[in-house]
Amino acid sequence: MKIEGSNAVITGSSRGIGRAVALHLAERGANVVICCRSRVEEAEEVKELAEKAGVRALVVQADLGTVEGAESVVDRCVEDLGGVDVLVNNAGLFELYPIHELRPEDLDRILRVNLMSYFHTSRKAVADMMRRGRGGCIVNISSIVSMIGMAGGTAYAASKGGVTGLTVCLAREVARYGIRVNAIAPGYIETEMIGFMSEEYRAKVMSRIPMRRFGTGEEVAKTVAFLVEDATYMTGQTLVLDGGIMID
């Protein structure tokens, strides 16, 4: 799988990690499908920046919490670009609730976006990859929260733990078709998602990270590119990208 000339779908790519991934793959020569639920102006900005790299870029506005929305992103890539070579499942909700305050509708919303959308996009992408017979690559964005926990994060951690299970089983299922499936479990990355942190809390977290800094979206993007193009004998794995916090 070469990035240059490939068609890549990146969910949740109007900002944060998804934005960085979309722009990095575009710079490496991939046509990109940028997906957002409501931040259309930001997605259009990503599209314009990607097109400056000389590739095709599309914006799809969709609610990935629905089957139809998740499927529409892949369908658009197939219809407009001719097929899907790379799928990066990145869209996610980061919401914290004490377990006794977690409402069923909150749990349902988090699981639909953070886990079920990955099933629906992967199902559609795999079908197209098998039809075309050229192989493909899926990268799922998980989280170290599913491994080390976080107060109030039971729903979020459960969804990301499900992503790990999905990655392993799907990798085994589709390897015979030349399709590789891996995941990345980022630690603390400088995005809007951690904007809730006070300076005091940031300092406390930073002290637990051996590298003494948070990661960047660009570092996650480069890891995605590694999994797509260079990790040709790797499948079913979850790479932890956390600055060493899990070994502290």
Protein backbone atom coordinates (compact mmCIF):
# COMPACT_ATOMS: atom_id res chain seq x y z
CA MET A 1 0.00 0.00 0.00
CA LYS A 2 1.44 3.32 -1.11
CA ILE A 3 0.07 6.55 0.26
CA GLU A 4 0.74 8.45 -2.95
CA GLY A 5 -2.20 8.01 -5.30
CA SER A 6 -4.37 6.28 -2.70
CA ASN A 7 -7.86 7.31 -1.59
CA ALA A 8 -8.18 7.84 2.16
CA VAL A 9 -11.26 8.37 4.32
CA ILE A 10 -10.57 10.08 7.65
CA THR A 11 -13.51 10.40 10.00
CA GLY A 12 -13.69 13.28 12.44
CA SER A 13 -11.19 15.26 10.38
CA SER A 14 -12.32 18.87 10.71
CA ARG A 15 -10.04 19.37 13.71
CA GLY A 16 -7.58 17.75 16.09
CA ILE A 17 -5.98 14.43 15.28
CA GLY A 18 -8.21 13.83 12.27
CA ARG A 19 -7.26 17.15 10.70
CA ALA A 20 -3.57 16.41 11.18
CA VAL A 21 -3.97 12.96 9.64
CA ALA A 22 -5.89 14.27 6.63
CA LEU A 23 -3.33 16.97 5.91
CA HIS A 24 -0.34 14.67 6.39
CA LEU A 25 -1.75 12.01 4.06
CA ALA A 26 -2.58 14.72 1.51
CA GLU A 27 0.99 16.01 1.70
CA ARG A 28 2.12 12.44 1.03
CA GLY A 29 -0.06 12.33 -2.11
CA ALA A 30 -3.33 10.75 -0.98
CA ASN A 31 -6.74 11.95 -2.08
CA VAL A 32 -8.69 12.55 1.12
CA VAL A 33 -12.31 12.45 2.25
CA ILE A 34 -12.79 14.82 5.17
CA CYS A 35 -15.70 14.05 7.45
CA CYS A 36 -17.48 16.29 9.95
CA ARG A 37 -20.82 16.40 11.73
CA SER A 38 -21.29 20.14 12.18
CA ARG A 39 -17.98 21.99 11.70
CA VAL A 40 -18.39 22.46 7.97
CA GLU A 41 -16.35 25.66 7.75
CA GLU A 42 -13.41 24.02 9.49
CA ALA A 43 -13.71 20.96 7.24
CA GLU A 44 -13.72 23.20 4.17
CA GLU A 45 -10.54 24.83 5.43
CA VAL A 46 -8.90 21.40 5.71
CA LYS A 47 -10.09 20.65 2.18
CA GLU A 48 -8.49 23.82 0.81
CA LEU A 49 -5.20 23.08 2.56
CA ALA A 50 -5.21 19.49 1.27
CA GLU A 51 -5.87 20.61 -2.30
CA LYS A 52 -2.80 22.84 -2.16
CA ALA A 53 -0.81 19.60 -2.05
CA GLY A 54 -2.19 18.78 -5.49
CA VAL A 55 -4.62 16.06 -4.47
CA ARG A 56 -8.38 15.72 -4.57
CA ALA A 57 -10.24 16.45 -1.37
CA LEU A 58 -13.91 16.05 -0.50
CA VAL A 59 -15.95 17.15 2.48
CA VAL A 60 -18.77 14.93 3.72
CA GLN A 61 -21.08 16.19 6.44
CA ALA A 62 -22.57 13.24 8.27
CA ASP A 63 -23.71 12.08 11.69
CA LEU A 64 -21.53 9.03 12.31
CA GLY A 65 -23.78 8.10 15.21
CA THR A 66 -26.22 6.74 12.62
CA VAL A 67 -25.75 3.81 10.27
CA GLU A 68 -26.70 5.93 7.28
CA GLY A 69 -24.26 8.67 8.21
CA ALA A 70 -21.33 6.32 8.73
CA GLU A 71 -22.00 4.50 5.47
CA SER A 72 -22.38 7.73 3.50
CA VAL A 73 -18.77 8.74 4.12
CA VAL A 74 -17.41 5.57 2.50
CA ASP A 75 -20.05 5.63 -0.23
CA ARG A 76 -18.98 9.14 -1.22
CA CYS A 77 -15.35 8.04 -1.52
CA VAL A 78 -16.34 5.11 -3.74
CA GLU A 79 -18.63 7.21 -5.92
CA ASP A 80 -16.38 10.26 -6.36
CA LEU A 81 -12.87 8.80 -6.14
CA GLY A 82 -13.43 5.26 -7.40
CA GLY A 83 -12.79 3.29 -4.23
CA VAL A 84 -11.34 3.23 -0.72
CA ASP A 85 -7.72 2.28 -0.09
CA VAL A 86 -7.26 3.68 3.41
CA LEU A 87 -9.77 4.14 6.21
CA VAL A 88 -8.81 6.02 9.37
CA ASN A 89 -11.52 5.69 12.00
CA ASN A 90 -10.87 8.69 14.22
CA ALA A 91 -14.23 10.29 15.07
CA GLY A 92 -14.99 10.25 18.74
CA LEU A 93 -16.79 11.81 21.68
CA PHE A 94 -14.82 12.41 24.86
CA GLU A 95 -17.37 12.84 27.63
CA LEU A 96 -16.85 12.08 31.31
CA TYR A 97 -19.66 11.01 33.65
CA PRO A 98 -19.57 9.53 37.16
CA ILE A 99 -21.10 6.08 36.69
CA HIS A 100 -24.09 6.88 38.90
CA GLU A 101 -24.87 9.93 36.73
CA LEU A 102 -24.38 8.21 33.38
CA ARG A 103 -27.73 8.16 31.61
CA PRO A 104 -28.59 5.40 29.12
CA GLU A 105 -28.83 7.96 26.34
CA ASP A 106 -25.31 9.25 27.14
CA LEU A 107 -23.88 5.74 26.98
CA ASP A 108 -25.75 5.02 23.77
CA ARG A 109 -24.46 8.22 22.12
CA ILE A 110 -20.84 7.56 23.06
CA LEU A 111 -20.93 3.93 21.92
CA ARG A 112 -22.64 4.81 18.62
CA VAL A 113 -20.00 7.36 17.65
CA ASN A 114 -16.87 5.90 19.24
CA LEU A 115 -17.44 2.24 18.42
CA MET A 116 -20.43 1.45 16.25
CA SER A 117 -19.41 3.97 13.57
CA TYR A 118 -16.11 2.09 13.27
CA PHE A 119 -18.06 -1.10 12.52
CA HIS A 120 -20.21 0.55 9.88
CA THR A 121 -17.41 2.38 8.07
CA SER A 122 -15.16 -0.69 8.20
CA ARG A 123 -17.90 -2.95 6.88
CA LYS A 124 -18.45 -0.72 3.87
CA ALA A 125 -14.74 -0.12 3.26
CA VAL A 126 -13.83 -3.81 3.49
CA ALA A 127 -16.58 -4.70 1.00
CA ASP A 128 -15.14 -2.20 -1.49
CA MET A 129 -11.54 -3.31 -0.89
CA MET A 130 -12.52 -6.94 -1.47
CA ARG A 131 -14.45 -6.01 -4.61
CA ARG A 132 -11.47 -4.18 -6.07
CA GLY A 133 -8.97 -6.86 -5.04
CA ARG A 134 -6.16 -4.42 -4.32
CA GLY A 135 -5.93 -4.85 -0.55
CA GLY A 136 -6.18 -1.91 1.78
CA CYS A 137 -5.44 -0.55 5.22
CA ILE A 138 -7.62 0.40 8.17
CA VAL A 139 -6.28 2.36 11.14
CA ASN A 140 -8.50 2.74 14.20
CA ILE A 141 -7.83 5.45 16.78
CA SER A 142 -8.23 4.02 20.27
CA SER A 143 -6.99 5.51 23.57
CA ILE A 144 -4.81 4.62 26.52
CA VAL A 145 -7.82 5.45 28.69
CA SER A 146 -9.11 1.97 27.86
CA MET A 147 -5.89 0.57 29.37
CA ILE A 148 -5.14 2.77 32.38
CA GLY A 149 -8.57 4.19 33.18
CA MET A 150 -9.79 7.67 34.07
CA ALA A 151 -12.31 8.79 36.67
CA GLY A 152 -15.63 9.35 34.94
CA GLY A 153 -14.42 7.67 31.79
CA THR A 154 -16.19 4.31 32.00
CA ALA A 155 -18.28 4.85 28.86
CA TYR A 156 -15.40 6.34 26.88
CA ALA A 157 -12.99 3.61 27.98
CA ALA A 158 -15.50 0.89 27.18
CA SER A 159 -15.94 2.27 23.66
CA LYS A 160 -12.19 2.42 23.07
CA GLY A 161 -11.68 -1.05 24.53
CA GLY A 162 -14.22 -2.23 21.98
CA VAL A 163 -12.12 -0.64 19.25
CA THR A 164 -9.18 -2.80 20.31
CA GLY A 165 -11.30 -5.95 20.06
CA LEU A 166 -12.68 -4.88 16.70
CA THR A 167 -9.15 -4.29 15.42
CA VAL A 168 -7.86 -7.72 16.40
CA CYS A 169 -10.80 -9.71 15.09
CA LEU A 170 -11.21 -7.78 11.85
CA ALA A 171 -7.48 -8.07 11.15
CA ARG A 172 -7.68 -11.85 11.41
CA GLU A 173 -10.77 -11.96 9.21
CA VAL A 174 -9.52 -9.87 6.30
CA ALA A 175 -5.78 -10.62 6.21
CA ARG A 176 -6.32 -13.17 3.42
CA TYR A 177 -7.57 -10.36 1.20
CA GLY A 178 -4.46 -8.25 1.66
CA ILE A 179 -6.21 -5.88 4.06
CA ARG A 180 -4.36 -4.87 7.21
CA VAL A 181 -6.10 -3.50 10.32
CA ASN A 182 -4.22 -1.83 13.15
CA ALA A 183 -4.92 0.70 15.88
CA ILE A 184 -3.19 3.56 17.63
CA ALA A 185 -3.80 4.30 21.32
CA PRO A 186 -2.74 7.90 21.89
CA GLY A 187 -2.05 9.33 25.29
CA TYR A 188 -2.45 13.04 25.97
CA ILE A 189 -2.42 14.87 22.65
CA GLU A 190 -2.59 18.67 22.31
CA THR A 191 -6.09 19.04 20.84
CA GLU A 192 -9.38 20.67 21.82
CA MET A 193 -10.36 17.37 23.42
CA ILE A 194 -8.19 18.10 26.46
CA GLY A 195 -9.23 21.72 26.66
CA PHE A 196 -11.10 20.97 29.89
CA MET A 197 -7.82 20.65 31.79
CA SER A 198 -6.86 23.34 34.27
CA GLU A 199 -3.21 24.40 34.41
CA GLU A 200 -2.87 22.60 37.72
CA TYR A 201 -4.25 19.37 36.27
CA ARG A 202 -2.06 19.69 33.16
CA ALA A 203 1.02 20.01 35.35
CA LYS A 204 -0.01 16.97 37.37
CA VAL A 205 -0.49 14.88 34.23
CA MET A 206 2.74 16.17 32.69
CA SER A 207 4.68 15.03 35.73
CA ARG A 208 3.55 11.46 35.01
CA ILE A 209 4.81 11.50 31.42
CA PRO A 210 8.49 10.48 31.18
CA MET A 211 8.95 12.67 28.08
CA ARG A 212 7.48 15.60 30.04
CA ARG A 213 5.26 16.86 27.24
CA PHE A 214 2.00 16.11 25.48
CA GLY A 215 1.99 14.66 22.00
CA THR A 216 0.93 16.42 18.82
CA GLY A 217 -1.60 15.57 16.15
CA GLU A 218 1.23 15.51 13.64
CA GLU A 219 2.98 12.76 15.60
CA VAL A 220 -0.19 10.66 15.49
CA ALA A 221 -0.49 11.41 11.76
CA LYS A 222 3.04 10.19 11.09
CA THR A 223 2.24 6.98 12.96
CA VAL A 224 -0.85 6.51 10.80
CA ALA A 225 1.33 6.95 7.71
CA PHE A 226 3.78 4.36 9.06
CA LEU A 227 0.98 1.84 9.51
CA VAL A 228 -0.38 2.54 6.03
CA GLU A 229 2.83 2.42 4.02
CA ASP A 230 5.71 0.93 5.97
CA ALA A 231 4.25 -1.62 8.41
CA THR A 232 3.60 -4.14 5.65
CA TYR A 233 3.85 -7.20 7.92
CA MET A 234 1.90 -5.76 10.82
CA THR A 235 -1.79 -6.38 11.44
CA GLY A 236 -4.05 -6.71 14.45
CA GLN A 237 -1.78 -4.54 16.60
CA THR A 238 -2.37 -1.51 18.79
CA LEU A 239 0.52 0.95 18.95
CA VAL A 240 0.66 2.98 22.14
CA LEU A 241 1.71 6.60 21.54
CA ASP A 242 1.85 8.16 24.98
CA GLY A 243 5.27 9.62 25.73
CA GLY A 244 5.90 6.74 28.10
CA ILE A 245 3.09 7.33 30.58
CA MET A 246 2.22 3.62 30.68
CA ILE A 247 5.74 2.68 31.75
CA ASP A 248 6.00 5.33 34.46
